[in-house]
Amino acid sequence: MFQIKIFNCNPFQQNTYLLYNENKNCVIIDPGMYNASEQILFDNFLKENDLTPKVLINTHCHIDHVFSNQYCVEKYGLELGIHQEDLQVLQAAAFSARSYQLNYNASPNPAYYIEPLSEIKLDNDVLKVLFTPGHSPGSISFYCEKQHFCIVGDALFFQSIGRTDFPGGHHQTLIDAIQTQLFSLPDNTIVHSGHGPQTTIGHEKQFNPFLND
């Protein structure tokens, strides 16, 4: 079974997710570590728990979610996986960093593309890939049916939704993706977002002002 460790990273207060199991293997999702101190904190957690990174994936490729893609590829010998529709977003991350006057060690291009309805497997643990575009054109979410949680990037937040005013964003596309892909999950599904606290599908169905009309 997965255990989940969350690192709050970078000036955007982004949530980086580390999923690890009883075999001491782990999945890194959206490594947003911005500077050496954040990277050391992340690496120390791996060392202290004797964890071995096996998978590196992005829910989407906005700058705050990819700051340490290159670090993870070089440090842990991983290959990056994203949805193909977010390749242009990834390639624009350097421009985004300059516009925010932030340092950025450019991410490598993906080694492979992640298809919707495919599965990310780590030993006996499985994450199902859901296509949840709108915040970015290739946003995807990772759903663990066995443990009733979903890592959704910036698609859905506690009583809010992702911005859609970035290049490639589209408001109605995001609403439709949430309604069809995320709100079809059981109400007790825990939602782990790219920023802020966790929530549940049931709570968002009832109280999210962007979605409960």
C-alpha atoms as a PDB file:
ATOM      1  CA  MET A   1       0.000   0.000   0.000  1.00  0.00           C
ATOM      2  CA  PHE A   2       1.042   3.561  -0.647  1.00  0.00           C
ATOM      3  CA  GLN A   3       2.111   5.947   2.034  1.00  0.00           C
ATOM      4  CA  ILE A   4       2.003   9.599   1.034  1.00  0.00           C
ATOM      5  CA  LYS A   5       4.546  12.263   1.957  1.00  0.00           C
ATOM      6  CA  ILE A   6       3.841  15.854   0.930  1.00  0.00           C
ATOM      7  CA  PHE A   7       6.523  18.511   0.556  1.00  0.00           C
ATOM      8  CA  ASN A   8       5.381  22.125   0.357  1.00  0.00           C
ATOM      9  CA  CYS A   9       7.758  23.751  -2.107  1.00  0.00           C
ATOM     10  CA  ASN A  10       8.864  26.874  -3.944  1.00  0.00           C
ATOM     11  CA  PRO A  11       7.483  30.438  -3.875  1.00  0.00           C
ATOM     12  CA  PHE A  12       4.112  29.167  -5.163  1.00  0.00           C
ATOM     13  CA  GLN A  13       3.581  26.893  -2.124  1.00  0.00           C
ATOM     14  CA  GLN A  14       3.188  23.866  -4.371  1.00  0.00           C
ATOM     15  CA  ASN A  15       2.576  20.350  -3.087  1.00  0.00           C
ATOM     16  CA  THR A  16       5.156  17.803  -4.224  1.00  0.00           C
ATOM     17  CA  TYR A  17       4.009  14.201  -3.670  1.00  0.00           C
ATOM     18  CA  LEU A  18       6.112  11.189  -2.794  1.00  0.00           C
ATOM     19  CA  LEU A  19       4.233   7.867  -2.795  1.00  0.00           C
ATOM     20  CA  TYR A  20       6.106   4.936  -1.299  1.00  0.00           C
ATOM     21  CA  ASN A  21       5.293   1.367  -0.378  1.00  0.00           C
ATOM     22  CA  GLU A  22       6.394  -1.441   1.913  1.00  0.00           C
ATOM     23  CA  ASN A  23       9.075  -2.447  -0.605  1.00  0.00           C
ATOM     24  CA  LYS A  24      10.707   0.968  -0.103  1.00  0.00           C
ATOM     25  CA  ASN A  25      10.038   1.931  -3.725  1.00  0.00           C
ATOM     26  CA  CYS A  26       8.463   5.257  -4.585  1.00  0.00           C
ATOM     27  CA  VAL A  27       6.787   7.463  -7.165  1.00  0.00           C
ATOM     28  CA  ILE A  28       7.666  11.165  -7.403  1.00  0.00           C
ATOM     29  CA  ILE A  29       4.803  13.360  -8.612  1.00  0.00           C
ATOM     30  CA  ASP A  30       5.391  17.015  -9.543  1.00  0.00           C
ATOM     31  CA  PRO A  31       8.818  17.670  -8.011  1.00  0.00           C
ATOM     32  CA  GLY A  32       8.572  21.361  -7.230  1.00  0.00           C
ATOM     33  CA  MET A  33      11.678  21.707  -5.075  1.00  0.00           C
ATOM     34  CA  TYR A  34      13.011  25.145  -5.946  1.00  0.00           C
ATOM     35  CA  ASN A  35      16.397  25.425  -4.294  1.00  0.00           C
ATOM     36  CA  ALA A  36      19.143  23.304  -2.781  1.00  0.00           C
ATOM     37  CA  SER A  37      17.644  23.376   0.704  1.00  0.00           C
ATOM     38  CA  GLU A  38      14.336  21.976  -0.550  1.00  0.00           C
ATOM     39  CA  GLN A  39      16.136  19.341  -2.578  1.00  0.00           C
ATOM     40  CA  ILE A  40      18.253  18.330   0.426  1.00  0.00           C
ATOM     41  CA  LEU A  41      15.139  18.042   2.600  1.00  0.00           C
ATOM     42  CA  PHE A  42      13.558  15.788  -0.029  1.00  0.00           C
ATOM     43  CA  ASP A  43      16.701  13.678  -0.467  1.00  0.00           C
ATOM     44  CA  ASN A  44      17.171  13.310   3.278  1.00  0.00           C
ATOM     45  CA  PHE A  45      13.664  11.915   3.641  1.00  0.00           C
ATOM     46  CA  LEU A  46      14.498   9.296   1.019  1.00  0.00           C
ATOM     47  CA  LYS A  47      17.743   8.381   2.745  1.00  0.00           C
ATOM     48  CA  GLU A  48      16.263   8.277   6.259  1.00  0.00           C
ATOM     49  CA  ASN A  49      13.516   5.924   5.066  1.00  0.00           C
ATOM     50  CA  ASP A  50      15.750   3.901   2.727  1.00  0.00           C
ATOM     51  CA  LEU A  51      13.515   4.696  -0.260  1.00  0.00           C
ATOM     52  CA  THR A  52      14.331   4.112  -3.918  1.00  0.00           C
ATOM     53  CA  PRO A  53      12.635   6.360  -6.516  1.00  0.00           C
ATOM     54  CA  LYS A  54      11.311   4.331  -9.443  1.00  0.00           C
ATOM     55  CA  VAL A  55       8.859   6.627 -11.262  1.00  0.00           C
ATOM     56  CA  LEU A  56       8.832  10.373 -12.081  1.00  0.00           C
ATOM     57  CA  ILE A  57       5.605  11.871 -13.425  1.00  0.00           C
ATOM     58  CA  ASN A  58       3.955  15.285 -13.780  1.00  0.00           C
ATOM     59  CA  THR A  59       0.251  15.986 -13.434  1.00  0.00           C
ATOM     60  CA  HIS A  60       0.956  19.004 -15.637  1.00  0.00           C
ATOM     61  CA  CYS A  61       3.957  21.086 -16.561  1.00  0.00           C
ATOM     62  CA  HIS A  62       3.530  24.605 -15.214  1.00  0.00           C
ATOM     63  CA  ILE A  63       6.759  25.945 -13.793  1.00  0.00           C
ATOM     64  CA  ASP A  64       5.906  25.408 -10.110  1.00  0.00           C
ATOM     65  CA  HIS A  65       5.413  21.667 -10.701  1.00  0.00           C
ATOM     66  CA  VAL A  66       8.600  21.010 -12.687  1.00  0.00           C
ATOM     67  CA  PHE A  67      11.372  22.954 -10.928  1.00  0.00           C
ATOM     68  CA  SER A  68      13.174  19.731  -9.961  1.00  0.00           C
ATOM     69  CA  ASN A  69      12.407  17.484 -12.920  1.00  0.00           C
ATOM     70  CA  GLN A  70      16.019  17.762 -14.027  1.00  0.00           C
ATOM     71  CA  TYR A  71      17.294  17.174 -10.501  1.00  0.00           C
ATOM     72  CA  CYS A  72      15.273  13.972 -10.155  1.00  0.00           C
ATOM     73  CA  VAL A  73      16.332  12.665 -13.553  1.00  0.00           C
ATOM     74  CA  GLU A  74      20.017  13.235 -12.771  1.00  0.00           C
ATOM     75  CA  LYS A  75      20.009  12.370  -9.058  1.00  0.00           C
ATOM     76  CA  TYR A  76      17.889   9.224  -9.187  1.00  0.00           C
ATOM     77  CA  GLY A  77      18.346   8.057 -12.775  1.00  0.00           C
ATOM     78  CA  LEU A  78      14.652   8.376 -13.622  1.00  0.00           C
ATOM     79  CA  GLU A  79      12.757   8.949 -16.857  1.00  0.00           C
ATOM     80  CA  LEU A  80      10.105  11.672 -16.980  1.00  0.00           C
ATOM     81  CA  GLY A  81       6.517  10.916 -17.991  1.00  0.00           C
ATOM     82  CA  ILE A  82       3.875  13.520 -18.910  1.00  0.00           C
ATOM     83  CA  HIS A  83       0.777  13.737 -21.098  1.00  0.00           C
ATOM     84  CA  GLN A  84       1.721  14.643 -24.646  1.00  0.00           C
ATOM     85  CA  GLU A  85      -0.593  17.671 -24.742  1.00  0.00           C
ATOM     86  CA  ASP A  86       1.513  19.340 -22.040  1.00  0.00           C
ATOM     87  CA  LEU A  87       4.801  19.161 -23.932  1.00  0.00           C
ATOM     88  CA  GLN A  88       4.482  22.771 -25.095  1.00  0.00           C
ATOM     89  CA  VAL A  89       3.736  23.818 -21.522  1.00  0.00           C
ATOM     90  CA  LEU A  90       6.896  22.071 -20.365  1.00  0.00           C
ATOM     91  CA  GLN A  91       8.932  23.710 -23.101  1.00  0.00           C
ATOM     92  CA  ALA A  92       7.530  27.130 -22.091  1.00  0.00           C
ATOM     93  CA  ALA A  93       8.547  26.705 -18.449  1.00  0.00           C
ATOM     94  CA  ALA A  94      11.857  28.507 -18.961  1.00  0.00           C
ATOM     95  CA  PHE A  95       9.982  31.572 -20.253  1.00  0.00           C
ATOM     96  CA  SER A  96       7.657  31.383 -17.249  1.00  0.00           C
ATOM     97  CA  ALA A  97      10.613  31.278 -14.882  1.00  0.00           C
ATOM     98  CA  ARG A  98      12.125  34.369 -16.484  1.00  0.00           C
ATOM     99  CA  SER A  99       8.814  36.221 -16.294  1.00  0.00           C
ATOM    100  CA  TYR A 100       8.680  35.530 -12.535  1.00  0.00           C
ATOM    101  CA  GLN A 101      12.428  36.257 -12.200  1.00  0.00           C
ATOM    102  CA  LEU A 102      13.029  32.783 -10.794  1.00  0.00           C
ATOM    103  CA  ASN A 103      15.942  30.411 -11.247  1.00  0.00           C
ATOM    104  CA  TYR A 104      15.181  27.281 -13.229  1.00  0.00           C
ATOM    105  CA  ASN A 105      17.301  24.337 -14.292  1.00  0.00           C
ATOM    106  CA  ALA A 106      15.408  23.391 -17.435  1.00  0.00           C
ATOM    107  CA  SER A 107      13.494  20.130 -17.363  1.00  0.00           C
ATOM    108  CA  PRO A 108      14.468  17.411 -19.810  1.00  0.00           C
ATOM    109  CA  ASN A 109      11.922  16.449 -22.398  1.00  0.00           C
ATOM    110  CA  PRO A 110       9.774  13.471 -21.412  1.00  0.00           C
ATOM    111  CA  ALA A 111      11.078   9.987 -22.047  1.00  0.00           C
ATOM    112  CA  TYR A 112       7.531   8.750 -22.573  1.00  0.00           C
ATOM    113  CA  TYR A 113       3.957   9.971 -22.743  1.00  0.00           C
ATOM    114  CA  ILE A 114       1.243   8.910 -20.311  1.00  0.00           C
ATOM    115  CA  GLU A 115      -2.046   7.889 -21.887  1.00  0.00           C
ATOM    116  CA  PRO A 116      -5.454   8.411 -20.228  1.00  0.00           C
ATOM    117  CA  LEU A 117      -6.909   5.224 -18.708  1.00  0.00           C
ATOM    118  CA  SER A 118      -3.458   3.694 -18.558  1.00  0.00           C
ATOM    119  CA  GLU A 119      -1.937   2.630 -15.245  1.00  0.00           C
ATOM    120  CA  ILE A 120       1.149   3.681 -13.351  1.00  0.00           C
ATOM    121  CA  LYS A 121       2.356   0.593 -11.496  1.00  0.00           C
ATOM    122  CA  LEU A 122       4.728   0.357  -8.565  1.00  0.00           C
ATOM    123  CA  ASP A 123       5.064  -3.269  -7.506  1.00  0.00           C
ATOM    124  CA  ASN A 124       1.511  -4.263  -6.489  1.00  0.00           C
ATOM    125  CA  ASP A 125       0.250  -0.685  -6.227  1.00  0.00           C
ATOM    126  CA  VAL A 126      -1.598   0.967  -9.093  1.00  0.00           C
ATOM    127  CA  LEU A 127      -2.518   4.514 -10.070  1.00  0.00           C
ATOM    128  CA  LYS A 128      -5.127   4.912 -12.802  1.00  0.00           C
ATOM    129  CA  VAL A 129      -4.591   7.848 -15.149  1.00  0.00           C
ATOM    130  CA  LEU A 130      -7.527  10.228 -15.593  1.00  0.00           C
ATOM    131  CA  PHE A 131      -7.500  12.950 -18.273  1.00  0.00           C
ATOM    132  CA  THR A 132      -8.434  16.233 -16.552  1.00  0.00           C
ATOM    133  CA  PRO A 133      -7.484  19.096 -18.920  1.00  0.00           C
ATOM    134  CA  GLY A 134      -8.557  22.709 -18.674  1.00  0.00           C
ATOM    135  CA  HIS A 135      -5.994  24.169 -16.294  1.00  0.00           C
ATOM    136  CA  SER A 136      -3.486  23.056 -18.909  1.00  0.00           C
ATOM    137  CA  PRO A 137      -4.154  21.151 -22.129  1.00  0.00           C
ATOM    138  CA  GLY A 138      -2.571  17.920 -20.890  1.00  0.00           C
ATOM    139  CA  SER A 139      -3.409  17.855 -17.197  1.00  0.00           C
ATOM    140  CA  ILE A 140      -3.837  14.364 -15.782  1.00  0.00           C
ATOM    141  CA  SER A 141      -4.815  12.975 -12.380  1.00  0.00           C
ATOM    142  CA  PHE A 142      -3.670   9.797 -10.663  1.00  0.00           C
ATOM    143  CA  TYR A 143      -6.352   7.738  -8.922  1.00  0.00           C
ATOM    144  CA  CYS A 144      -5.663   4.933  -6.456  1.00  0.00           C
ATOM    145  CA  GLU A 145      -8.901   2.963  -6.322  1.00  0.00           C
ATOM    146  CA  LYS A 146      -7.664   0.582  -3.633  1.00  0.00           C
ATOM    147  CA  GLN A 147      -6.863   3.371  -1.182  1.00  0.00           C
ATOM    148  CA  HIS A 148      -9.503   5.889  -2.250  1.00  0.00           C
ATOM    149  CA  PHE A 149      -7.333   8.873  -3.126  1.00  0.00           C
ATOM    150  CA  CYS A 150      -6.630  10.931  -6.220  1.00  0.00           C
ATOM    151  CA  ILE A 151      -3.736  13.297  -6.921  1.00  0.00           C
ATOM    152  CA  VAL A 152      -5.249  15.928  -9.181  1.00  0.00           C
ATOM    153  CA  GLY A 153      -2.586  18.582  -9.755  1.00  0.00           C
ATOM    154  CA  ASP A 154      -4.252  21.961 -10.185  1.00  0.00           C
ATOM    155  CA  ALA A 155      -7.554  20.707 -11.599  1.00  0.00           C
ATOM    156  CA  LEU A 156      -9.489  20.796  -8.319  1.00  0.00           C
ATOM    157  CA  PHE A 157      -8.881  22.450  -4.956  1.00  0.00           C
ATOM    158  CA  PHE A 158     -10.677  22.730  -1.634  1.00  0.00           C
ATOM    159  CA  GLN A 159     -13.806  24.661  -2.657  1.00  0.00           C
ATOM    160  CA  SER A 160     -12.091  25.990  -5.771  1.00  0.00           C
ATOM    161  CA  ILE A 161     -10.766  24.979  -9.191  1.00  0.00           C
ATOM    162  CA  GLY A 162      -7.627  25.626 -11.189  1.00  0.00           C
ATOM    163  CA  ARG A 163      -7.002  28.834 -13.085  1.00  0.00           C
ATOM    164  CA  THR A 164      -7.842  28.694 -16.767  1.00  0.00           C
ATOM    165  CA  ASP A 165      -6.332  31.988 -17.930  1.00  0.00           C
ATOM    166  CA  PHE A 166      -2.905  30.535 -18.722  1.00  0.00           C
ATOM    167  CA  PRO A 167      -2.034  29.657 -22.347  1.00  0.00           C
ATOM    168  CA  GLY A 168      -3.778  26.416 -23.221  1.00  0.00           C
ATOM    169  CA  GLY A 169      -6.295  26.749 -20.407  1.00  0.00           C
ATOM    170  CA  HIS A 170     -10.039  26.547 -20.993  1.00  0.00           C
ATOM    171  CA  HIS A 171     -12.703  27.026 -18.335  1.00  0.00           C
ATOM    172  CA  GLN A 172     -15.472  24.829 -19.706  1.00  0.00           C
ATOM    173  CA  THR A 173     -13.014  22.060 -20.536  1.00  0.00           C
ATOM    174  CA  LEU A 174     -11.919  22.038 -16.906  1.00  0.00           C
ATOM    175  CA  ILE A 175     -15.482  22.020 -15.593  1.00  0.00           C
ATOM    176  CA  ASP A 176     -16.377  19.132 -17.900  1.00  0.00           C
ATOM    177  CA  ALA A 177     -13.270  17.182 -16.870  1.00  0.00           C
ATOM    178  CA  ILE A 178     -14.044  17.579 -13.176  1.00  0.00           C
ATOM    179  CA  GLN A 179     -17.663  16.594 -13.659  1.00  0.00           C
ATOM    180  CA  THR A 180     -16.966  13.534 -15.812  1.00  0.00           C
ATOM    181  CA  GLN A 181     -13.599  12.290 -14.531  1.00  0.00           C
ATOM    182  CA  LEU A 182     -13.357  13.335 -10.888  1.00  0.00           C
ATOM    183  CA  PHE A 183     -16.978  13.586  -9.762  1.00  0.00           C
ATOM    184  CA  SER A 184     -17.535  10.064 -11.072  1.00  0.00           C
ATOM    185  CA  LEU A 185     -15.241   8.806  -8.300  1.00  0.00           C
ATOM    186  CA  PRO A 186     -16.723   7.696  -4.954  1.00  0.00           C
ATOM    187  CA  ASP A 187     -17.628  10.520  -2.585  1.00  0.00           C
ATOM    188  CA  ASN A 188     -15.124   9.313   0.006  1.00  0.00           C
ATOM    189  CA  THR A 189     -12.203   9.705  -2.400  1.00  0.00           C
ATOM    190  CA  ILE A 190      -9.549  11.931  -0.851  1.00  0.00           C
ATOM    191  CA  VAL A 191      -8.439  14.675  -3.225  1.00  0.00           C
ATOM    192  CA  HIS A 192      -4.775  15.688  -3.021  1.00  0.00           C
ATOM    193  CA  SER A 193      -4.294  18.973  -4.871  1.00  0.00           C
ATOM    194  CA  GLY A 194      -1.279  20.792  -6.215  1.00  0.00           C
ATOM    195  CA  HIS A 195      -1.718  23.556  -3.655  1.00  0.00           C
ATOM    196  CA  GLY A 196      -3.499  23.843  -0.327  1.00  0.00           C
ATOM    197  CA  PRO A 197      -5.218  21.261   1.865  1.00  0.00           C
ATOM    198  CA  GLN A 198      -6.762  17.962   0.908  1.00  0.00           C
ATOM    199  CA  THR A 199     -10.495  17.596   0.411  1.00  0.00           C
ATOM    200  CA  THR A 200     -12.914  14.892  -0.744  1.00  0.00           C
ATOM    201  CA  ILE A 201     -14.994  14.379  -3.849  1.00  0.00           C
ATOM    202  CA  GLY A 202     -18.167  14.410  -1.746  1.00  0.00           C
ATOM    203  CA  HIS A 203     -17.274  17.715  -0.117  1.00  0.00           C
ATOM    204  CA  GLU A 204     -16.558  19.374  -3.452  1.00  0.00           C
ATOM    205  CA  LYS A 205     -19.800  18.104  -4.964  1.00  0.00           C
ATOM    206  CA  GLN A 206     -21.699  19.758  -2.137  1.00  0.00           C
ATOM    207  CA  PHE A 207     -19.734  22.912  -1.366  1.00  0.00           C
ATOM    208  CA  ASN A 208     -17.570  23.927  -4.322  1.00  0.00           C
ATOM    209  CA  PRO A 209     -19.102  27.189  -5.597  1.00  0.00           C
ATOM    210  CA  PHE A 210     -17.690  26.644  -9.091  1.00  0.00           C
ATOM    211  CA  LEU A 211     -19.329  23.249  -9.459  1.00  0.00           C
ATOM    212  CA  ASN A 212     -22.476  22.942  -7.390  1.00  0.00           C
ATOM    213  CA  ASP A 213     -24.872  24.887  -9.589  1.00  0.00           C
END
